[in-house]
Amino acid sequence: MQTYQDINVLVGPYMLGVLISLGIGLIIGLEREYDKLKEEKGFAGIRTFPIVAILGFSIASLTQLFTPWLLITSLGTFILFLALYHFSQKQEEYGQGLTTNLALIATFVLGIMVSAEYYRDAVATAVIIVTLLSLKTRFRSVISNITSQELFAFIKFTIIALLILPFLPDKPYGPDGLINPFEIGSIIVIVSFLNFIGYFLVKFVGSKKGIILTAILGGLISSTAVAWNYASSSKESPELSKKYSAGIIVASAIMFPRLALLAYIFNNTILINLAIPFGILTVICVTATLLLMRKDDPKPDTNIKLGNPLNVLNAIKFGAVYVIILFAVFYSNQFFGESGLYYSALIAGLADTDAITISMAKFSLEGDKLALASSVIIAATISNMLVKLGIAIFKGSKTTAKYVGFAFGSVIIIGVIWVLVSVF
C-alpha cells in the first residue's frame, strides 16, 4: 500500500499537493453539484471547488518564495469576491443561502492545509464537511420536530460536556486518591449522554429499535449506567417496560465478551477459562432479550411519554452512588487484605468490573493461577449483576423488575454454581 511519501517521491511534492487538493475539491464539489441539480440554483459545483482547492494550495506554496501577506491578501480578496457576487445576483438564480460560499472558503483553507502537508487532516475535514452538507434534508426534518424543552436539554448537555467537564481537575483526592473530579464528572456526562441519545433514538427511530440500539452502544461503555437510566425511564413510561427490560439485559450481555476481550489483552491464556462461562451467561442474556422483544406488542406505539430528554439529577445521583461504592471497595480491601480475593471481587463488582478483570488477568501471569483468577472475575460479574438487579427492582417499574429479575436471576445462579464447582 503506497503512502503519501511514496507518491511524493514518484510525482514530486508540488504535484502531490495538487492531486490531493483536486481530490478534496472533487469530494465537496460533487455534493454541491448534486445539490445544485436538485434545487436548480447555485453557482459552484464539480469544477469550481477543485479549482478553489488548487488555488488555495498554489498561493500558499508561493508564500514560501514571496511573503506571507500574499496568502492573507488572497484569502481576504477571495472572501470579498464571494460577498460581492452573492449580493449582486438575483435570488431566484443564485439562492440566498451562505452554505456554498462557506464551503468554498473552507475548500480554499483546505488547499492551504495541503500546502502545509496536513494531508490526512485536510482530507478528513473535507469528509466531515461533505457529511454535514449532504445531511441538510435530514437535519431540517429532525429540527422541525424538536421541541423547546429538547432544545434547552441539548444546550444544557453541551454546557456540561464542553464547558464544565474539561475544567474539572484531573487529580486524585482523598484516601488513596479515590476521588477524581474529572472522572466523576465523566461518569455523569456518560449517563447524561446515554439518556440524551436514547431519548432521541426512541423519538426518531422508534421505541423498539431506539432502546435496543442505545443499550448496545451503552453496554460498550457501562452496562450499569444503562440499567440506571432504563430503570428510571421504565417508571416514567411503564408502557415501554418490556423494551427497557430488554435494553438492560442486552447491555449486560455485551459486558461478558467485552470483559473477555479486556482479559485477553493482558493475558491471552486466561481466555480459555473464561470462554465457556462467559459464553453461557451471554447466551442467557441474549435469549432473554429476544424473548422479550418477540413478546412485545406488534402494534405501533402511540402517545408514548418519553420523559425528560436530559435528566441531570438522575445522572448526579448515579455519580454519588459510584463514589460511595468506591469508598466501600477501598475500606473493604483494607479490612480483608490481598488474600480475600473473592471478597474483593464481590465488592469491586459493585462499582466496576473492568478494574478487577485487568488486575486478575495480570495476577494470573504469575504461576498456575488461571483457574483462580477466572473464578474471581466471574464472581465480580455476579456482584455487578446483583447491583443492576437491585437497580431494576428499586428504580424500575414492577414489570421491569420482574423481567430483569428472571434473566439476571438465572445468570447469577449459573454463575454461582460455576464458581463453586471451580473452587471445590
Protein backbone atom coordinates (compact mmCIF):
# COMPACT_ATOMS: atom_id res chain seq x y z
CA MET A 1 0.00 0.00 0.00
CA GLN A 2 1.51 3.32 -1.10
CA THR A 3 1.85 6.15 1.37
CA TYR A 4 1.96 9.88 0.78
CA GLN A 5 5.77 9.69 1.00
CA ASP A 6 5.91 7.09 -1.79
CA ILE A 7 3.73 9.20 -4.08
CA ASN A 8 5.77 12.27 -3.13
CA VAL A 9 8.90 10.60 -4.47
CA LEU A 10 7.07 9.47 -7.60
CA VAL A 11 5.38 12.72 -8.72
CA GLY A 12 7.12 15.39 -6.64
CA PRO A 13 5.85 17.47 -3.68
CA TYR A 14 4.05 20.12 -5.74
CA MET A 15 2.10 17.70 -7.94
CA LEU A 16 1.26 15.59 -4.88
CA GLY A 17 -0.31 18.67 -3.29
CA VAL A 18 -2.20 19.43 -6.49
CA LEU A 19 -3.58 15.89 -6.64
CA ILE A 20 -4.70 15.93 -3.01
CA SER A 21 -6.26 19.38 -3.44
CA LEU A 22 -8.00 18.12 -6.58
CA GLY A 23 -9.42 15.17 -4.66
CA ILE A 24 -10.64 17.40 -1.83
CA GLY A 25 -12.28 19.78 -4.29
CA LEU A 26 -13.96 16.91 -6.15
CA ILE A 27 -15.33 15.44 -2.91
CA ILE A 28 -17.02 18.69 -1.86
CA GLY A 29 -17.83 19.82 -5.41
CA LEU A 30 -19.64 16.60 -6.26
CA GLU A 31 -22.03 17.08 -3.34
CA ARG A 32 -22.61 20.75 -4.22
CA GLU A 33 -23.23 19.86 -7.88
CA TYR A 34 -25.82 17.28 -6.86
CA ASP A 35 -27.50 19.78 -4.53
CA LYS A 36 -27.47 22.40 -7.30
CA LEU A 37 -29.21 19.99 -9.69
CA LYS A 38 -31.92 19.23 -7.12
CA GLU A 39 -32.69 22.86 -6.29
CA GLU A 40 -31.97 24.16 -9.80
CA LYS A 41 -29.98 27.12 -8.48
CA GLY A 42 -26.46 27.85 -7.30
CA PHE A 43 -23.21 28.76 -8.96
CA ALA A 44 -20.42 26.45 -7.73
CA GLY A 45 -20.12 22.75 -8.35
CA ILE A 46 -17.92 19.95 -9.62
CA ARG A 47 -15.50 22.28 -11.46
CA THR A 48 -15.36 25.31 -9.16
CA PHE A 49 -14.44 23.53 -5.94
CA PRO A 50 -11.38 21.67 -7.29
CA ILE A 51 -10.13 24.93 -8.81
CA VAL A 52 -10.56 26.74 -5.49
CA ALA A 53 -8.72 23.98 -3.58
CA ILE A 54 -5.82 24.03 -6.06
CA LEU A 55 -5.82 27.85 -5.94
CA GLY A 56 -5.51 27.81 -2.14
CA PHE A 57 -2.70 25.25 -2.33
CA SER A 58 -0.79 27.12 -5.06
CA ILE A 59 -0.98 30.52 -3.36
CA ALA A 60 0.08 29.02 -0.03
CA SER A 61 3.03 27.35 -1.79
CA LEU A 62 4.09 30.66 -3.34
CA THR A 63 4.24 32.39 0.06
CA GLN A 64 7.43 30.43 0.71
CA LEU A 65 9.07 32.32 -2.16
CA PHE A 66 7.50 35.74 -1.60
CA THR A 67 5.70 36.90 1.56
CA PRO A 68 3.01 35.55 3.92
CA TRP A 69 0.98 38.64 3.09
CA LEU A 70 0.32 37.10 -0.33
CA LEU A 71 -1.76 34.37 1.33
CA ILE A 72 -3.52 36.76 3.72
CA THR A 73 -4.38 39.17 0.90
CA SER A 74 -5.53 36.37 -1.41
CA LEU A 75 -7.86 34.88 1.22
CA GLY A 76 -9.31 38.30 2.02
CA THR A 77 -9.80 39.07 -1.67
CA PHE A 78 -11.47 35.71 -2.25
CA ILE A 79 -13.91 36.28 0.62
CA LEU A 80 -14.66 39.80 -0.67
CA PHE A 81 -15.27 38.42 -4.18
CA LEU A 82 -17.76 35.87 -2.85
CA ALA A 83 -19.56 38.56 -0.83
CA LEU A 84 -19.89 40.89 -3.83
CA TYR A 85 -21.00 38.06 -6.08
CA HIS A 86 -23.53 36.91 -3.52
CA PHE A 87 -25.30 40.26 -3.27
CA SER A 88 -25.08 41.04 -6.99
CA GLN A 89 -27.09 38.02 -8.16
CA LYS A 90 -30.83 37.57 -8.25
CA GLN A 91 -32.30 35.40 -5.50
CA GLU A 92 -34.09 33.03 -7.86
CA GLU A 93 -30.92 32.36 -9.83
CA TYR A 94 -28.38 32.27 -7.04
CA GLY A 95 -30.19 31.45 -3.81
CA GLN A 96 -29.88 33.30 -0.55
CA GLY A 97 -28.05 30.60 1.40
CA LEU A 98 -24.46 31.12 2.53
CA THR A 99 -23.63 27.42 2.69
CA THR A 100 -21.94 27.20 -0.71
CA ASN A 101 -19.91 30.35 -0.04
CA LEU A 102 -18.73 28.98 3.31
CA ALA A 103 -17.92 25.65 1.66
CA LEU A 104 -15.81 27.48 -0.93
CA ILE A 105 -13.90 29.36 1.76
CA ALA A 106 -13.38 26.07 3.63
CA THR A 107 -12.12 24.45 0.43
CA PHE A 108 -9.64 27.31 -0.07
CA VAL A 109 -8.39 26.83 3.50
CA LEU A 110 -8.11 23.06 2.98
CA GLY A 111 -5.87 23.77 -0.01
CA ILE A 112 -3.70 25.85 2.33
CA MET A 113 -3.59 22.92 4.78
CA VAL A 114 -2.38 20.65 1.98
CA SER A 115 0.44 23.13 1.29
CA ALA A 116 1.44 22.79 4.97
CA GLU A 117 1.47 18.98 4.43
CA TYR A 118 -1.54 18.33 6.67
CA TYR A 119 -2.70 15.80 4.09
CA ARG A 120 -4.74 13.41 6.24
CA ASP A 121 -6.23 16.22 8.34
CA ALA A 122 -7.33 18.09 5.22
CA VAL A 123 -8.96 15.02 3.66
CA ALA A 124 -10.67 14.08 6.95
CA THR A 125 -12.01 17.63 7.28
CA ALA A 126 -13.32 17.50 3.72
CA VAL A 127 -15.21 14.29 4.50
CA ILE A 128 -16.77 15.89 7.61
CA ILE A 129 -17.82 18.94 5.56
CA VAL A 130 -19.40 16.76 2.86
CA THR A 131 -21.25 14.77 5.51
CA LEU A 132 -22.70 17.95 7.01
CA LEU A 133 -23.67 19.28 3.58
CA SER A 134 -25.36 16.05 2.47
CA LEU A 135 -27.44 15.75 5.67
CA LYS A 136 -29.25 19.05 5.11
CA THR A 137 -32.65 17.49 4.40
CA ARG A 138 -32.41 15.13 7.33
CA PHE A 139 -31.29 17.91 9.66
CA ARG A 140 -34.29 20.01 8.64
CA SER A 141 -36.66 17.11 9.23
CA VAL A 142 -35.23 16.45 12.69
CA ILE A 143 -35.09 20.11 13.73
CA SER A 144 -38.68 20.72 12.64
CA ASN A 145 -39.76 18.07 15.17
CA ILE A 146 -37.68 19.32 18.11
CA THR A 147 -39.50 21.00 20.97
CA SER A 148 -38.22 23.89 23.08
CA GLN A 149 -37.66 21.50 26.00
CA GLU A 150 -35.46 19.30 23.83
CA LEU A 151 -33.52 22.30 22.53
CA PHE A 152 -32.80 23.51 26.08
CA ALA A 153 -31.80 19.95 27.01
CA PHE A 154 -29.23 19.94 24.20
CA ILE A 155 -27.87 23.32 25.35
CA LYS A 156 -27.59 22.04 28.94
CA PHE A 157 -25.78 18.90 27.82
CA THR A 158 -23.35 20.97 25.72
CA ILE A 159 -22.61 23.20 28.71
CA ILE A 160 -21.98 20.20 30.97
CA ALA A 161 -19.86 18.24 28.47
CA LEU A 162 -17.87 21.04 26.83
CA LEU A 163 -17.79 23.92 29.29
CA ILE A 164 -17.83 22.31 32.75
CA LEU A 165 -16.22 18.85 32.37
CA PRO A 166 -12.93 19.98 30.69
CA PHE A 167 -12.24 22.39 33.56
CA LEU A 168 -12.68 19.86 36.36
CA PRO A 169 -9.30 18.98 37.95
CA ASP A 170 -7.96 15.64 36.76
CA LYS A 171 -6.19 14.95 40.05
CA PRO A 172 -6.76 12.32 42.79
CA TYR A 173 -8.03 13.49 46.17
CA GLY A 174 -8.97 11.77 49.40
CA PRO A 175 -7.71 8.43 50.78
CA ASP A 176 -5.60 6.55 48.22
CA GLY A 177 -6.64 9.16 45.61
CA LEU A 178 -10.16 7.73 45.33
CA ILE A 179 -11.88 10.98 44.37
CA ASN A 180 -11.05 12.32 40.92
CA PRO A 181 -13.42 15.19 39.99
CA PHE A 182 -12.82 14.75 36.26
CA GLU A 183 -13.51 11.01 36.42
CA ILE A 184 -16.71 11.54 38.40
CA GLY A 185 -17.76 14.30 36.01
CA SER A 186 -17.08 11.98 33.07
CA ILE A 187 -19.38 9.37 34.59
CA ILE A 188 -22.15 11.97 34.99
CA VAL A 189 -21.65 13.05 31.36
CA ILE A 190 -21.79 9.43 30.15
CA VAL A 191 -25.05 8.78 32.00
CA SER A 192 -26.50 12.06 30.68
CA PHE A 193 -25.33 11.22 27.16
CA LEU A 194 -26.97 7.79 27.26
CA ASN A 195 -30.21 9.36 28.47
CA PHE A 196 -29.99 12.09 25.81
CA ILE A 197 -29.18 9.79 22.87
CA GLY A 198 -31.70 7.18 23.99
CA TYR A 199 -34.45 9.79 24.16
CA PHE A 200 -33.92 10.95 20.58
CA LEU A 201 -33.41 7.46 19.18
CA VAL A 202 -36.73 6.41 20.69
CA LYS A 203 -38.39 9.53 19.28
CA PHE A 204 -36.99 9.41 15.73
CA VAL A 205 -36.05 5.74 15.18
CA GLY A 206 -38.85 4.18 17.22
CA SER A 207 -39.03 2.79 20.71
CA LYS A 208 -38.12 -0.78 19.76
CA LYS A 209 -35.03 -0.05 17.69
CA GLY A 210 -34.07 3.07 19.61
CA ILE A 211 -33.98 1.47 23.05
CA ILE A 212 -32.06 -1.62 21.92
CA LEU A 213 -29.57 0.37 19.84
CA THR A 214 -28.86 2.73 22.73
CA ALA A 215 -28.47 -0.23 25.11
CA ILE A 216 -25.96 -1.93 22.82
CA LEU A 217 -23.91 1.24 22.47
CA GLY A 218 -24.22 1.96 26.18
CA GLY A 219 -23.22 -1.58 27.09
CA LEU A 220 -19.85 -0.98 25.45
CA ILE A 221 -19.30 1.86 27.93
CA SER A 222 -21.19 0.94 31.11
CA SER A 223 -24.00 -1.58 31.42
CA THR A 224 -24.63 -0.30 34.95
CA ALA A 225 -25.27 3.20 33.59
CA VAL A 226 -27.73 1.70 31.08
CA ALA A 227 -29.53 -0.15 33.88
CA TRP A 228 -29.75 3.04 35.94
CA ASN A 229 -31.12 5.07 33.03
CA TYR A 230 -33.54 2.48 31.70
CA ALA A 231 -34.91 1.52 35.10
CA SER A 232 -35.77 5.18 35.75
CA SER A 233 -37.24 5.52 32.25
CA SER A 234 -39.41 2.42 32.72
CA LYS A 235 -41.05 4.06 35.72
CA GLU A 236 -41.68 7.24 33.70
CA SER A 237 -43.02 5.24 30.73
CA PRO A 238 -44.48 1.96 32.09
CA GLU A 239 -45.86 1.04 28.65
CA LEU A 240 -42.25 0.61 27.47
CA SER A 241 -41.19 -1.58 30.40
CA LYS A 242 -40.62 -4.69 28.27
CA LYS A 243 -38.40 -2.81 25.89
CA TYR A 244 -36.45 -1.14 28.66
CA SER A 245 -36.05 -4.54 30.33
CA ALA A 246 -34.69 -5.96 27.08
CA GLY A 247 -32.30 -3.00 26.87
CA ILE A 248 -30.96 -3.57 30.38
CA ILE A 249 -30.45 -7.26 29.67
CA VAL A 250 -28.76 -6.84 26.27
CA ALA A 251 -26.41 -4.18 27.67
CA SER A 252 -25.31 -6.73 30.28
CA ALA A 253 -24.95 -9.38 27.58
CA ILE A 254 -22.32 -7.18 25.95
CA MET A 255 -20.44 -6.92 29.25
CA PHE A 256 -19.24 -10.54 29.10
CA PRO A 257 -17.49 -10.51 25.68
CA ARG A 258 -16.14 -7.03 26.49
CA LEU A 259 -14.55 -8.30 29.71
CA ALA A 260 -13.24 -11.40 27.94
CA LEU A 261 -11.53 -9.17 25.37
CA LEU A 262 -10.13 -6.98 28.15
CA ALA A 263 -8.71 -10.01 29.98
CA TYR A 264 -7.27 -11.38 26.72
CA ILE A 265 -5.37 -8.14 26.13
CA PHE A 266 -3.49 -8.50 29.43
CA ASN A 267 -3.22 -12.30 29.45
CA ASN A 268 -4.33 -14.23 26.37
CA THR A 269 -4.19 -17.62 28.14
CA ILE A 270 -6.98 -16.71 30.59
CA LEU A 271 -9.50 -16.59 27.74
CA ILE A 272 -9.64 -20.41 27.73
CA ASN A 273 -11.00 -20.39 31.28
CA LEU A 274 -13.46 -17.55 30.65
CA ALA A 275 -14.80 -18.59 27.24
CA ILE A 276 -17.30 -21.25 28.39
CA PRO A 277 -18.83 -19.50 31.45
CA PHE A 278 -18.97 -16.10 29.74
CA GLY A 279 -20.41 -17.74 26.62
CA ILE A 280 -23.18 -19.39 28.65
CA LEU A 281 -24.04 -16.18 30.51
CA THR A 282 -24.08 -14.20 27.25
CA VAL A 283 -26.44 -16.70 25.63
CA ILE A 284 -28.83 -16.45 28.59
CA CYS A 285 -28.99 -12.66 28.33
CA VAL A 286 -29.35 -12.65 24.53
CA THR A 287 -32.09 -15.30 24.68
CA ALA A 288 -34.00 -13.33 27.32
CA THR A 289 -33.70 -10.19 25.17
CA LEU A 290 -35.02 -11.95 22.07
CA LEU A 291 -37.93 -13.45 24.00
CA LEU A 292 -38.90 -10.06 25.41
CA MET A 293 -38.76 -8.39 22.00
CA ARG A 294 -40.76 -11.26 20.50
CA LYS A 295 -43.45 -10.98 23.17
CA ASP A 296 -43.68 -7.26 22.64
CA ASP A 297 -46.88 -5.73 21.31
CA PRO A 298 -46.55 -5.58 17.49
CA LYS A 299 -48.82 -2.53 17.32
CA PRO A 300 -47.07 0.81 16.86
CA ASP A 301 -46.58 2.92 19.96
CA THR A 302 -48.89 5.90 20.34
CA ASN A 303 -48.92 8.69 22.89
CA ILE A 304 -45.70 7.50 24.48
CA LYS A 305 -44.43 9.66 27.32
CA LEU A 306 -40.73 9.97 26.59
CA GLY A 307 -39.91 11.67 29.87
CA ASN A 308 -37.07 14.13 30.37
CA PRO A 309 -34.57 14.31 27.47
CA LEU A 310 -31.76 15.17 29.87
CA ASN A 311 -32.23 14.04 33.46
CA VAL A 312 -29.16 15.66 35.03
CA LEU A 313 -30.34 14.99 38.59
CA ASN A 314 -30.57 11.28 37.84
CA ALA A 315 -27.03 11.34 36.44
CA ILE A 316 -25.71 13.17 39.52
CA LYS A 317 -27.32 10.55 41.76
CA PHE A 318 -25.53 7.83 39.79
CA GLY A 319 -22.24 9.68 40.27
CA ALA A 320 -22.87 9.92 44.01
CA VAL A 321 -23.62 6.19 44.24
CA TYR A 322 -20.42 5.47 42.29
CA VAL A 323 -18.33 7.48 44.79
CA ILE A 324 -19.94 5.71 47.76
CA ILE A 325 -19.13 2.33 46.23
CA LEU A 326 -15.53 3.40 45.58
CA PHE A 327 -15.08 4.11 49.27
CA ALA A 328 -16.74 0.81 50.18
CA VAL A 329 -14.33 -1.08 47.92
CA PHE A 330 -11.31 0.75 49.37
CA TYR A 331 -12.09 0.16 53.04
CA SER A 332 -13.24 -3.43 52.43
CA ASN A 333 -9.96 -4.22 50.69
CA GLN A 334 -8.07 -2.72 53.61
CA PHE A 335 -10.05 -4.87 56.04
CA PHE A 336 -9.78 -8.20 54.16
CA GLY A 337 -6.32 -7.76 52.66
CA GLU A 338 -4.98 -9.26 49.42
CA SER A 339 -5.79 -12.82 50.49
CA GLY A 340 -9.51 -12.18 50.30
CA LEU A 341 -9.67 -12.13 46.50
CA TYR A 342 -13.26 -13.27 46.36
CA TYR A 343 -14.36 -10.70 48.92
CA SER A 344 -12.52 -8.05 46.97
CA ALA A 345 -14.13 -9.24 43.72
CA LEU A 346 -17.63 -9.16 45.18
CA ILE A 347 -17.08 -5.65 46.48
CA ALA A 348 -15.21 -4.39 43.41
CA GLY A 349 -18.01 -5.69 41.18
CA LEU A 350 -20.36 -3.27 42.91
CA ALA A 351 -18.53 -0.37 41.29
CA ASP A 352 -16.72 -1.62 38.20
CA THR A 353 -15.80 -4.95 36.63
CA ASP A 354 -13.05 -3.61 34.36
CA ALA A 355 -10.54 -2.89 37.13
CA ILE A 356 -10.86 -6.31 38.80
CA THR A 357 -10.69 -8.05 35.41
CA ILE A 358 -7.43 -6.30 34.49
CA SER A 359 -5.87 -6.93 37.90
CA MET A 360 -6.82 -10.63 37.85
CA ALA A 361 -5.56 -11.08 34.29
CA LYS A 362 -2.19 -9.71 35.40
CA PHE A 363 -2.33 -11.75 38.61
CA SER A 364 -2.78 -14.98 36.62
CA LEU A 365 0.51 -14.37 34.79
CA GLU A 366 2.34 -15.49 37.92
CA GLY A 367 2.34 -19.28 38.23
CA ASP A 368 -0.62 -21.59 37.80
CA LYS A 369 -3.39 -19.19 38.83
CA LEU A 370 -5.60 -19.12 35.74
CA ALA A 371 -8.50 -21.03 37.34
CA LEU A 372 -8.45 -18.89 40.47
CA ALA A 373 -8.23 -15.63 38.53
CA SER A 374 -11.06 -16.56 36.16
CA SER A 375 -13.30 -17.58 39.08
CA VAL A 376 -12.63 -14.25 40.79
CA ILE A 377 -13.54 -12.39 37.58
CA ILE A 378 -16.79 -14.36 37.31
CA ALA A 379 -17.54 -13.57 40.97
CA ALA A 380 -17.09 -9.87 40.20
CA THR A 381 -19.56 -10.09 37.30
CA ILE A 382 -22.09 -11.83 39.57
CA SER A 383 -21.73 -8.97 42.04
CA ASN A 384 -22.24 -6.47 39.24
CA MET A 385 -25.36 -8.31 38.06
CA LEU A 386 -26.72 -8.13 41.61
CA VAL A 387 -26.22 -4.37 41.60
CA LYS A 388 -28.09 -4.00 38.30
CA LEU A 389 -30.84 -6.30 39.55
CA GLY A 390 -31.21 -4.08 42.61
CA ILE A 391 -31.35 -1.00 40.38
CA ALA A 392 -34.10 -2.59 38.29
CA ILE A 393 -36.10 -3.53 41.39
CA PHE A 394 -35.82 -0.27 43.31
CA LYS A 395 -35.75 2.25 40.46
CA GLY A 396 -37.75 0.50 37.73
CA SER A 397 -41.37 -0.39 37.20
CA LYS A 398 -42.80 -3.65 38.51
CA THR A 399 -42.75 -5.14 35.01
CA THR A 400 -39.09 -4.23 34.55
CA ALA A 401 -38.18 -5.70 37.93
CA LYS A 402 -39.96 -8.94 37.01
CA TYR A 403 -38.36 -9.50 33.60
CA VAL A 404 -34.88 -8.37 34.60
CA GLY A 405 -35.21 -10.48 37.75
CA PHE A 406 -35.87 -13.66 35.74
CA ALA A 407 -32.94 -13.04 33.38
CA PHE A 408 -30.38 -11.83 35.90
CA GLY A 409 -31.53 -14.38 38.48
CA SER A 410 -30.68 -17.15 36.01
CA VAL A 411 -27.29 -15.58 35.29
CA ILE A 412 -26.49 -15.21 38.98
CA ILE A 413 -27.48 -18.78 39.84
CA ILE A 414 -25.45 -20.32 36.99
CA GLY A 415 -22.52 -18.04 37.77
CA VAL A 416 -22.51 -19.02 41.44
CA ILE A 417 -22.69 -22.72 40.54
CA TRP A 418 -19.75 -22.33 38.14
CA VAL A 419 -17.62 -20.56 40.77
CA LEU A 420 -18.46 -23.17 43.44
CA VAL A 421 -17.61 -26.03 41.10
CA SER A 422 -14.32 -24.33 40.17
CA VAL A 423 -13.39 -23.76 43.81
CA PHE A 424 -14.30 -27.19 45.12
